[in-house]
Amino acid sequence: MITFKKDIIALALTGALIGGVTMTANAQVAPTQTTTQTQTNITTAELTKFAGAFVDVQEENKVAQQQLLGIIQDQGLELERFNEIQKSKMNPEATVDASSEELEKHKAVVTALESMQPEFESKMMAIIEDHGLTMDKYKEVALALQKDKALQQKFQQIMIKSQTRG
C-alpha cells in the first residue's frame, strides 16, 4: 500500500501535471516471450471493464490535477517551477537553484497533496471496483497493455467502440 501511495503521489506531482496520465494503446512495446502468456490471461470482458474504469479514472484524475494546480497557484508557484523543484527532490543527483521561500511553498504543496491522498486513493479504488475489477486486476491489465501489442490493439478497438456509442 505504501508503494501505491508513492506511485499516486509521483503520478499526481509529475506526469499528471506535465501532460496527464496517459496509458494509451500506443505505448512503446518491447516484444517478449511473456507477450502471448499475458494476452491469454486477460479476457475481453476484463479488458472492457478496464476500459470503462480507465476512462472514469482519467476523468477523476483531471479533477485532481485541477485541484493540485489550484494548490500550487495558491502557494504562489508556477506549475513549471513546481515541477522543476519536484523533479530535483525525486532525483538525488539533480540539483535545482531554489530559494528557501520556494522550497517552503513546494513543501506546503506536497503536504496538501499528501492530505488529499487518502480521498483520491479511495475514489480511484471505488471507480475501479464499480467497474467490476479489483485494484490488483486493474494493475495486471495495465501492465499487460504495456507489454502486449495485440492487447493494445484490442483495447484501442474497445475504446473506439465506447466513444462511438457515447
Foldseek 3Di string as FASTA:
>chain_A
DVVVLVVVLCCLLEVCQVPRDDLALPADADADPCQVVLVVVADLLLLLLLLQLVVVLRVLSVVSNVVLCVLLVVLPHHSVVLNLVVVCVVDVVDDDDDDPSVVVSSVSSSVVVVVCRVVSVVVSQVSSVVSVDGPVSSVSLSVSSNHHSVSSVSSVVSNVVVVVVD
